[in-house]
Amino acid sequence: MPVPVPQQRTVVLPQQAGPVDDVCADTAQVAGTPVAGVGEERLSADPEPAVQGLTLLLIGEDPNSHVPDVWDWAGRKVRLRTARNLTEAERLLTDDVHCILLDLPPARRDERTELPHADAPADELGMLRGVLRMAPSHAVLVLTHETDAERAAEAVRVGAQDYLFRDELDGSALSRAVRYAVERKRADLAQRQLTESRMLAQENARLERGLLPTPLLDGSDLRFAACYRPGRSRALLGGDFYDTVRTPDGTVHAMIGDVCGHGPDEAALGVELRIAWRALTFAGLSGDELLATLQKVLEHERSDDEIFATLCTVDISADGHHAGLSLAGHPAPLLARAGEHPQLLPYEFGGPALGLLPHARWPRRQVELGGSWSLLMYTDGLIEGRIGVGNQRLGQEGMVELVSRQMAAGLSGEALLDASVREVRDLNGGELTDDVAVLLLDRR
């Protein structure tokens, strides 16, 4: 193509994180765990976790500090590693370590007042904070002396799962504490992941509503359908967007666009461009004036000067017989008139993608539609899939032939979009690497 079309990743539509499903819309618009504690020898009452065998990492100034034997849920002896400081601990902190036992030295106190000694460090739990930063997903236990009960409780408030007094330490208590700490940490991580998943789903839902809105076509005899299919290798959020509105003069305005890149920043920019397009369209702007204004929006809102967006806009007259076409680095739409073979609309008079050239122009070309027609607008994911083994791409010509066969078979609306995208995926030999968004307007 004369202007490079970016590889994009677009918005996730499902209401939960994880694998996503196809999303299509066809809208006709016509007028009107706690663990029970047991002794060292009898542990069968405790539930057994999915991960077998525990490893305990002891961090303390005295490498010969005695620690009683510890037993896991199945009665097996827990492996023990020792480190004198955080530097050694970091080297020993491999994936098979499940719990960290931090042996805090006794707090320095004034013998006369029993208050902290004047030379005591300001942050007596600094080592614990360092462990928590180093191992945020590991269970941490604090081992201290009974005289430091207040500091032990503060350690739990800082982030340790529990504390033990060295004066009362035995194998049974330590085994129970380690198992409790591991289970509690797993539960905390699971709850955190669930919360993050719910927040991500809410964010995706908001972006979905922003990027893929309900068309405003009240009073028009045009039929609208749209389909979106996520790619295989993609981030959860991206920048594909489209919109369709009808202004008071009866003109139907449609657009589809892509923001290069993927992620929440690109998705947010896509939402801003779509909303700006709708507002400017209702304000009466079109063609070059509209696209120049959208470029200013993009330049002010993008996070990087290299971010750009492609856009295709179509303004269909109130009688539905002709339209104005503007292209900003975007693939040209496919037009299928009644009784004629589908063909691509002219691309030669298009302009560059938004954000590439500071003083670009975007000519508006008039297109005759006829009395009965279908207009297909799409993102580049539809044409960049491969055809079987090798590097051959489907391309626009292959897409035209594919859609023509589906139309000849009598498909229209959502069924046409779904069948076409499915065939593109089958030709690719599996899921597409890029997202696909397709918009269809029909006049019968």
Protein backbone atom coordinates (compact mmCIF):
# COMPACT_ATOMS: atom_id res chain seq x y z
CA MET A 1 0.00 0.00 0.00
CA PRO A 2 1.17 3.59 -0.54
CA VAL A 3 1.05 4.27 3.18
CA PRO A 4 2.02 1.55 5.68
CA VAL A 5 -0.91 0.26 7.69
CA PRO A 6 0.06 -0.59 11.29
CA GLN A 7 -0.22 -3.92 13.02
CA GLN A 8 -2.70 -3.39 15.83
CA ARG A 9 -4.09 -5.07 18.85
CA THR A 10 -7.62 -4.14 19.79
CA VAL A 11 -9.93 -4.04 22.78
CA VAL A 12 -10.94 -7.14 24.68
CA LEU A 13 -14.66 -7.57 24.82
CA PRO A 14 -15.25 -10.33 27.40
CA GLN A 15 -16.28 -9.47 30.92
CA GLN A 16 -13.46 -11.42 32.51
CA ALA A 17 -9.76 -11.79 31.96
CA GLY A 18 -8.43 -14.79 30.09
CA PRO A 19 -9.22 -16.27 26.66
CA VAL A 20 -11.62 -14.16 24.65
CA ASP A 21 -14.50 -15.11 22.43
CA ASP A 22 -15.69 -13.74 19.13
CA VAL A 23 -17.96 -10.75 19.37
CA CYS A 24 -20.38 -9.87 16.61
CA ALA A 25 -23.34 -7.53 16.53
CA ASP A 26 -26.12 -7.28 13.99
CA THR A 27 -28.39 -4.29 14.45
CA ALA A 28 -31.14 -3.51 11.98
CA GLN A 29 -31.90 0.20 11.81
CA VAL A 30 -35.14 1.13 10.09
CA ALA A 31 -37.48 4.04 10.66
CA GLY A 32 -38.91 4.21 13.97
CA THR A 33 -8.14 -22.43 54.05
CA PRO A 34 -7.09 -22.84 57.31
CA VAL A 35 -5.02 -26.06 58.03
CA ALA A 36 -5.57 -28.08 61.23
CA GLY A 37 -2.49 -28.25 63.49
CA VAL A 38 -1.09 -31.66 64.36
CA GLY A 39 2.12 -33.11 65.74
CA GLU A 40 5.26 -33.96 63.85
CA GLU A 41 4.50 -37.65 63.44
CA ARG A 42 0.78 -37.61 62.56
CA LEU A 43 0.00 -35.17 59.77
CA SER A 44 -2.61 -37.05 57.73
CA ALA A 45 -5.44 -34.79 58.93
CA ASP A 46 -3.98 -31.78 57.10
CA PRO A 47 -5.14 -31.17 53.53
CA GLU A 48 -2.43 -31.78 50.94
CA PRO A 49 -1.74 -28.93 48.49
CA ALA A 50 -1.14 -29.29 44.78
CA VAL A 51 2.61 -28.55 45.19
CA GLN A 52 4.44 -31.43 46.86
CA GLY A 53 7.43 -30.90 49.15
CA LEU A 54 8.30 -27.61 50.82
CA THR A 55 11.57 -25.71 51.02
CA LEU A 56 12.23 -23.28 53.87
CA LEU A 57 14.79 -20.49 53.56
CA LEU A 58 16.23 -19.32 56.90
CA ILE A 59 17.75 -15.84 56.94
CA GLY A 60 19.75 -14.96 60.05
CA GLU A 61 23.08 -13.58 61.20
CA ASP A 62 24.07 -16.88 62.83
CA PRO A 63 24.34 -19.58 60.11
CA ASN A 64 24.57 -22.25 62.84
CA SER A 65 21.34 -21.15 64.48
CA HIS A 66 19.40 -24.26 65.46
CA VAL A 67 16.03 -24.76 63.80
CA PRO A 68 14.02 -27.88 64.63
CA ASP A 69 12.96 -30.23 61.86
CA VAL A 70 9.89 -29.10 59.93
CA TRP A 71 7.35 -31.41 58.28
CA ASP A 72 4.98 -30.76 55.37
CA TRP A 73 1.35 -31.84 54.90
CA ALA A 74 2.32 -35.38 53.85
CA GLY A 75 4.74 -35.92 56.75
CA ARG A 76 7.87 -35.31 54.69
CA LYS A 77 10.76 -33.35 56.06
CA VAL A 78 10.92 -29.79 54.74
CA ARG A 79 14.17 -28.88 52.99
CA LEU A 80 16.14 -26.13 54.76
CA ARG A 81 18.45 -23.53 53.27
CA THR A 82 20.31 -20.91 55.28
CA ALA A 83 21.51 -17.42 54.41
CA ARG A 84 23.27 -14.84 56.60
CA ASN A 85 21.97 -11.76 54.78
CA LEU A 86 19.76 -10.57 51.93
CA THR A 87 22.54 -10.90 49.36
CA GLU A 88 22.97 -14.61 50.12
CA ALA A 89 19.20 -15.05 50.38
CA GLU A 90 18.62 -13.61 46.93
CA ARG A 91 20.97 -16.20 45.42
CA LEU A 92 19.16 -19.02 47.23
CA LEU A 93 15.65 -17.76 46.48
CA THR A 94 14.77 -20.17 43.66
CA ASP A 95 11.31 -21.16 42.46
CA ASP A 96 11.15 -24.17 44.80
CA VAL A 97 11.35 -22.02 47.96
CA HIS A 98 7.90 -21.74 49.52
CA CYS A 99 8.51 -19.98 52.84
CA ILE A 100 11.10 -17.63 54.35
CA LEU A 101 11.93 -17.68 58.05
CA LEU A 102 13.56 -14.39 59.07
CA ASP A 103 15.50 -14.62 62.36
CA LEU A 104 15.48 -11.07 63.73
CA PRO A 105 18.26 -10.20 66.14
CA PRO A 106 17.06 -8.97 69.57
CA ALA A 107 16.22 -5.28 69.72
CA ARG A 108 18.80 -3.17 71.55
CA ARG A 109 17.25 -1.74 74.73
CA ASP A 110 18.45 0.44 77.57
CA GLU A 111 18.74 -1.83 80.64
CA ARG A 112 17.57 0.96 82.97
CA THR A 113 14.46 2.09 81.09
CA GLU A 114 13.63 -0.99 78.95
CA LEU A 115 13.16 1.46 76.08
CA PRO A 116 14.92 1.16 72.71
CA HIS A 117 18.64 1.97 73.04
CA ALA A 118 19.78 5.32 71.68
CA ASP A 119 22.05 3.53 69.21
CA ALA A 120 19.29 1.23 67.95
CA PRO A 121 18.57 1.55 64.21
CA ALA A 122 15.63 3.81 63.32
CA ASP A 123 13.94 1.04 61.32
CA GLU A 124 14.39 -2.22 63.22
CA LEU A 125 12.23 -4.00 60.62
CA GLY A 126 14.27 -2.78 57.67
CA MET A 127 15.51 -6.30 56.94
CA LEU A 128 11.93 -7.59 56.89
CA ARG A 129 10.93 -4.86 54.46
CA GLY A 130 13.86 -5.87 52.26
CA VAL A 131 12.72 -9.52 52.31
CA LEU A 132 9.17 -8.53 51.37
CA ARG A 133 10.45 -6.47 48.45
CA MET A 134 12.73 -9.28 47.33
CA ALA A 135 10.12 -12.04 47.63
CA PRO A 136 6.62 -10.54 47.28
CA SER A 137 5.02 -13.88 46.39
CA HIS A 138 6.58 -15.92 49.21
CA ALA A 139 5.23 -16.62 52.67
CA VAL A 140 7.35 -14.91 55.34
CA LEU A 141 7.60 -15.85 59.04
CA VAL A 142 9.44 -13.79 61.63
CA LEU A 143 11.42 -15.46 64.41
CA THR A 144 12.14 -13.24 67.41
CA HIS A 145 12.49 -13.29 71.17
CA GLU A 146 9.57 -13.17 73.59
CA THR A 147 10.76 -9.81 74.90
CA ASP A 148 10.17 -8.38 71.41
CA ALA A 149 6.42 -9.13 71.28
CA GLU A 150 5.56 -5.61 70.19
CA ARG A 151 8.07 -5.73 67.35
CA ALA A 152 6.78 -9.17 66.33
CA ALA A 153 3.24 -7.83 66.06
CA GLU A 154 4.51 -4.87 64.04
CA ALA A 155 6.19 -7.34 61.67
CA VAL A 156 2.80 -8.86 60.86
CA ARG A 157 1.37 -5.41 60.22
CA VAL A 158 4.27 -4.72 57.85
CA GLY A 159 3.52 -7.86 55.82
CA ALA A 160 4.77 -11.07 57.49
CA GLN A 161 2.29 -13.94 57.63
CA ASP A 162 3.03 -14.73 61.28
CA TYR A 163 5.68 -14.59 64.01
CA LEU A 164 7.15 -17.13 66.45
CA PHE A 165 9.09 -16.70 69.69
CA ARG A 166 12.46 -18.47 69.68
CA ASP A 167 12.09 -19.30 73.37
CA GLU A 168 8.98 -21.38 72.63
CA LEU A 169 10.06 -22.87 69.31
CA ASP A 170 9.65 -26.58 68.69
CA GLY A 171 9.20 -28.76 65.61
CA SER A 172 5.44 -29.07 65.93
CA ALA A 173 4.83 -25.33 66.28
CA LEU A 174 7.20 -24.44 63.46
CA SER A 175 5.75 -27.09 61.13
CA ARG A 176 2.25 -25.82 61.79
CA ALA A 177 3.29 -22.18 61.32
CA VAL A 178 5.06 -22.88 58.02
CA ARG A 179 2.06 -24.75 56.61
CA TYR A 180 -0.33 -22.04 57.75
CA ALA A 181 1.88 -19.31 56.28
CA VAL A 182 2.18 -21.03 52.89
CA GLU A 183 -1.59 -21.61 52.67
CA ARG A 184 -2.36 -18.06 53.83
CA LYS A 185 0.01 -16.57 51.26
CA ARG A 186 -1.53 -18.68 48.50
CA ALA A 187 -4.97 -17.51 49.51
CA ASP A 188 -3.82 -13.87 49.59
CA LEU A 189 -2.28 -14.14 46.12
CA ALA A 190 -5.38 -15.84 44.74
CA GLN A 191 -7.59 -13.11 46.17
CA ARG A 192 -5.34 -10.42 44.75
CA GLN A 193 -5.39 -12.04 41.31
CA LEU A 194 -9.18 -12.29 41.48
CA THR A 195 -9.45 -8.62 42.38
CA GLU A 196 -7.08 -7.61 39.59
CA SER A 197 -9.01 -9.80 37.15
CA ARG A 198 -12.28 -8.14 38.10
CA MET A 199 -10.75 -4.68 37.75
CA LEU A 200 -9.33 -5.64 34.35
CA ALA A 201 -12.73 -6.94 33.24
CA GLN A 202 -14.35 -3.67 34.29
CA GLU A 203 -11.68 -1.70 32.45
CA ASN A 204 -12.17 -3.83 29.35
CA ALA A 205 -15.93 -3.34 29.52
CA ARG A 206 -15.52 0.43 29.68
CA LEU A 207 -13.10 0.39 26.76
CA GLU A 208 -15.44 -1.92 24.85
CA ARG A 209 -18.24 0.57 25.19
CA GLY A 210 -15.90 3.33 24.06
CA LEU A 211 -14.31 1.56 21.09
CA LEU A 212 -17.24 -0.49 19.82
CA PRO A 213 -20.35 1.64 20.45
CA THR A 214 -23.97 1.20 19.51
CA PRO A 215 -24.62 2.97 16.18
CA LEU A 216 -26.96 5.98 16.10
CA LEU A 217 -29.03 5.37 12.97
CA ASP A 218 -32.58 6.25 14.03
CA GLY A 219 -34.62 7.24 10.98
CA SER A 220 -32.31 5.58 8.45
CA ASP A 221 -33.25 2.69 6.17
CA LEU A 222 -29.69 1.33 6.27
CA ARG A 223 -28.87 -1.90 8.05
CA PHE A 224 -25.78 -2.11 10.22
CA ALA A 225 -23.68 -5.12 11.30
CA ALA A 226 -20.25 -5.40 12.91
CA CYS A 227 -17.94 -8.25 13.88
CA TYR A 228 -14.78 -8.33 15.96
CA ARG A 229 -12.41 -11.25 16.43
CA PRO A 230 -9.30 -11.02 18.64
CA GLY A 231 -5.95 -12.20 17.33
CA ARG A 232 -3.86 -14.99 18.80
CA SER A 233 -0.74 -13.06 19.87
CA ARG A 234 -2.07 -9.86 21.34
CA ALA A 235 -2.39 -7.79 24.47
CA LEU A 236 -5.75 -7.61 26.16
CA LEU A 237 -6.30 -4.04 25.06
CA GLY A 238 -5.77 -2.34 21.73
CA GLY A 239 -6.78 0.51 19.50
CA ASP A 240 -9.25 -0.63 16.79
CA PHE A 241 -12.41 1.46 16.82
CA TYR A 242 -15.45 2.27 14.70
CA ASP A 243 -18.66 4.29 14.83
CA THR A 244 -21.76 5.09 12.78
CA VAL A 245 -24.15 8.03 13.27
CA ARG A 246 -26.91 9.80 11.39
CA THR A 247 -26.98 13.62 11.45
CA PRO A 248 -30.20 15.71 11.35
CA ASP A 249 -29.85 16.29 7.59
CA GLY A 250 -30.24 12.55 7.00
CA THR A 251 -26.59 11.86 6.15
CA VAL A 252 -25.20 8.61 7.57
CA HIS A 253 -21.57 8.89 8.64
CA ALA A 254 -19.45 5.77 9.22
CA MET A 255 -15.82 5.32 10.16
CA ILE A 256 -13.35 2.65 11.18
CA GLY A 257 -9.80 3.19 12.44
CA ASP A 258 -6.72 1.70 14.07
CA VAL A 259 -4.22 3.14 16.53
CA CYS A 260 -0.78 1.60 16.03
CA GLY A 261 0.49 -0.48 18.90
CA HIS A 262 -1.45 -2.22 21.63
CA GLY A 263 -2.24 -1.80 25.29
CA PRO A 264 -4.38 0.43 27.50
CA ASP A 265 -2.78 3.69 26.29
CA GLU A 266 -3.56 2.89 22.65
CA ALA A 267 -7.06 1.73 23.57
CA ALA A 268 -7.69 4.96 25.46
CA LEU A 269 -6.45 6.98 22.48
CA GLY A 270 -8.78 5.00 20.21
CA VAL A 271 -11.72 5.88 22.47
CA GLU A 272 -10.74 9.55 22.41
CA LEU A 273 -10.52 9.59 18.61
CA ARG A 274 -13.87 7.87 18.22
CA ILE A 275 -15.63 10.24 20.61
CA ALA A 276 -13.94 13.23 18.96
CA TRP A 277 -15.04 11.95 15.53
CA ARG A 278 -18.65 11.65 16.69
CA ALA A 279 -18.65 15.12 18.28
CA LEU A 280 -17.03 16.75 15.25
CA THR A 281 -19.39 14.95 12.88
CA PHE A 282 -22.45 16.21 14.74
CA ALA A 283 -20.85 19.67 14.66
CA GLY A 284 -20.90 19.53 10.85
CA LEU A 285 -17.24 18.77 10.04
CA SER A 286 -16.29 16.28 7.32
CA GLY A 287 -13.51 15.34 4.95
CA ASP A 288 -10.20 17.17 5.23
CA GLU A 289 -11.38 19.54 7.96
CA LEU A 290 -12.55 16.67 10.15
CA LEU A 291 -9.37 14.60 9.70
CA ALA A 292 -7.09 17.60 10.29
CA THR A 293 -8.87 18.24 13.59
CA LEU A 294 -8.61 14.57 14.58
CA GLN A 295 -4.89 14.71 13.86
CA LYS A 296 -4.56 17.60 16.33
CA VAL A 297 -6.42 15.52 18.93
CA LEU A 298 -4.05 12.60 18.32
CA GLU A 299 -0.94 14.80 18.52
CA HIS A 300 -2.01 16.22 21.87
CA GLU A 301 -3.19 12.94 23.41
CA ARG A 302 -0.67 10.35 22.22
CA SER A 303 1.98 9.15 24.66
CA ASP A 304 4.72 9.00 22.02
CA ASP A 305 5.44 11.11 18.95
CA GLU A 306 5.68 7.95 16.83
CA ILE A 307 2.12 6.85 17.57
CA PHE A 308 -0.20 7.21 14.57
CA ALA A 309 -3.64 6.05 13.52
CA THR A 310 -5.28 5.04 10.27
CA LEU A 311 -8.86 6.04 9.50
CA CYS A 312 -11.53 5.51 6.88
CA THR A 313 -14.63 7.73 6.85
CA VAL A 314 -17.68 7.47 4.63
CA ASP A 315 -20.53 10.02 4.48
CA ILE A 316 -23.64 8.53 2.81
CA SER A 317 -26.21 10.95 1.44
CA ALA A 318 -29.75 11.01 2.78
CA ASP A 319 -31.09 9.30 -0.36
CA GLY A 320 -28.40 6.59 -0.05
CA HIS A 321 -27.26 6.90 -3.68
CA HIS A 322 -23.80 8.43 -3.25
CA ALA A 323 -21.14 8.97 -0.59
CA GLY A 324 -18.02 10.95 0.23
CA LEU A 325 -14.93 8.81 0.99
CA SER A 326 -11.85 9.96 2.95
CA LEU A 327 -8.88 7.69 3.66
CA ALA A 328 -6.03 8.35 6.09
CA GLY A 329 -3.61 5.49 5.52
CA HIS A 330 -6.42 2.94 5.85
CA PRO A 331 -7.46 0.14 3.44
CA ALA A 332 -10.22 1.17 1.04
CA PRO A 333 -13.74 -0.21 1.70
CA LEU A 334 -15.39 -2.90 -0.42
CA LEU A 335 -18.54 -1.91 -2.34
CA ALA A 336 -20.99 -4.48 -3.71
CA ARG A 337 -23.70 -2.98 -5.92
CA ALA A 338 -26.77 -4.98 -6.90
CA GLY A 339 -26.02 -7.15 -9.92
CA GLU A 340 -22.29 -6.28 -9.95
CA HIS A 341 -19.15 -8.01 -8.73
CA PRO A 342 -17.89 -6.48 -5.45
CA GLN A 343 -14.96 -4.11 -5.88
CA LEU A 344 -12.67 -1.95 -3.79
CA LEU A 345 -13.30 1.78 -3.75
CA PRO A 346 -10.47 3.97 -5.10
CA TYR A 347 -7.48 4.38 -2.82
CA GLU A 348 -5.27 6.62 -4.96
CA PHE A 349 -6.68 9.86 -3.58
CA GLY A 350 -6.17 8.95 0.07
CA GLY A 351 -3.90 10.77 2.47
CA PRO A 352 -1.35 9.62 5.07
CA ALA A 353 -2.18 8.14 8.44
CA LEU A 354 -3.01 10.62 11.18
CA GLY A 355 0.04 11.75 13.10
CA LEU A 356 2.66 11.11 10.40
CA LEU A 357 2.83 14.49 8.61
CA PRO A 358 2.11 17.80 10.39
CA HIS A 359 0.46 19.56 7.44
CA ALA A 360 -1.12 16.65 5.57
CA ARG A 361 -4.28 16.88 3.48
CA TRP A 362 -7.00 14.28 3.00
CA PRO A 363 -9.05 14.69 -0.19
CA ARG A 364 -12.70 13.67 -0.09
CA ARG A 365 -13.74 11.58 -3.11
CA GLN A 366 -17.35 11.24 -4.26
CA VAL A 367 -18.53 7.67 -4.91
CA GLU A 368 -21.71 6.55 -6.66
CA LEU A 369 -23.40 3.81 -4.65
CA GLY A 370 -26.58 3.11 -6.59
CA GLY A 371 -29.96 2.09 -5.31
CA SER A 372 -29.09 -1.23 -3.63
CA TRP A 373 -25.64 -1.93 -2.23
CA SER A 374 -23.46 -3.26 0.60
CA LEU A 375 -20.42 -1.41 1.95
CA LEU A 376 -17.77 -3.34 3.89
CA MET A 377 -15.23 -1.44 6.04
CA TYR A 378 -12.48 -3.37 7.84
CA THR A 379 -9.15 -3.20 9.67
CA ASP A 380 -6.00 -4.67 8.15
CA GLY A 381 -6.22 -7.86 10.22
CA LEU A 382 -8.74 -9.14 7.66
CA ILE A 383 -6.29 -8.99 4.75
CA GLU A 384 -2.96 -9.79 6.38
CA GLY A 385 -3.60 -13.41 7.29
CA ARG A 386 -1.54 -16.03 5.48
CA ILE A 387 -2.81 -18.49 2.89
CA GLY A 388 -1.73 -21.92 4.08
CA VAL A 389 1.98 -22.64 4.54
CA GLY A 390 4.40 -19.90 3.46
CA ASN A 391 4.50 -16.14 3.47
CA GLN A 392 1.74 -15.43 0.96
CA ARG A 393 -0.86 -13.06 2.39
CA LEU A 394 -4.54 -13.04 1.60
CA GLY A 395 -4.39 -9.41 0.56
CA GLN A 396 -7.21 -7.19 -0.63
CA GLU A 397 -7.79 -9.09 -3.87
CA GLY A 398 -8.09 -12.37 -2.01
CA MET A 399 -10.47 -10.72 0.46
CA VAL A 400 -12.65 -9.42 -2.40
CA GLU A 401 -12.96 -12.89 -3.92
CA LEU A 402 -13.66 -14.46 -0.54
CA VAL A 403 -16.44 -12.00 0.33
CA SER A 404 -17.86 -12.30 -3.19
CA ARG A 405 -18.30 -16.05 -2.77
CA GLN A 406 -20.05 -15.56 0.55
CA MET A 407 -22.41 -12.98 -0.98
CA ALA A 408 -23.10 -15.25 -3.96
CA ALA A 409 -24.11 -17.92 -1.46
CA GLY A 410 -26.83 -15.56 -0.20
CA LEU A 411 -25.18 -14.46 3.04
CA SER A 412 -25.66 -10.95 4.39
CA GLY A 413 -25.37 -8.98 7.63
CA GLU A 414 -23.84 -10.72 10.62
CA ALA A 415 -23.85 -14.11 8.87
CA LEU A 416 -21.75 -12.68 6.03
CA LEU A 417 -19.22 -11.13 8.40
CA ASP A 418 -18.93 -14.20 10.59
CA ALA A 419 -18.50 -16.57 7.62
CA SER A 420 -15.93 -14.32 5.95
CA VAL A 421 -13.81 -13.90 9.06
CA ARG A 422 -14.02 -17.63 9.78
CA GLU A 423 -12.80 -18.45 6.26
CA VAL A 424 -9.93 -16.00 6.61
CA ARG A 425 -8.92 -17.79 9.80
CA ASP A 426 -9.20 -21.22 8.14
CA LEU A 427 -7.01 -20.08 5.24
CA ASN A 428 -4.47 -18.88 7.80
CA GLY A 429 -4.36 -22.38 9.26
CA GLY A 430 -5.44 -21.21 12.71
CA GLU A 431 -6.18 -18.09 14.69
CA LEU A 432 -5.01 -14.84 13.16
CA THR A 433 -2.09 -13.05 14.77
CA ASP A 434 -3.82 -9.69 14.39
CA ASP A 435 -7.25 -8.53 15.49
CA VAL A 436 -10.04 -8.11 12.97
CA ALA A 437 -12.82 -5.53 13.09
CA VAL A 438 -15.38 -5.37 10.26
CA LEU A 439 -18.32 -3.02 9.73
CA LEU A 440 -21.09 -3.57 7.15
CA LEU A 441 -23.76 -1.16 5.92
CA ASP A 442 -26.53 -2.39 3.60
CA ARG A 443 -29.20 -0.65 1.56
CA ARG A 444 -31.76 -2.95 -0.02
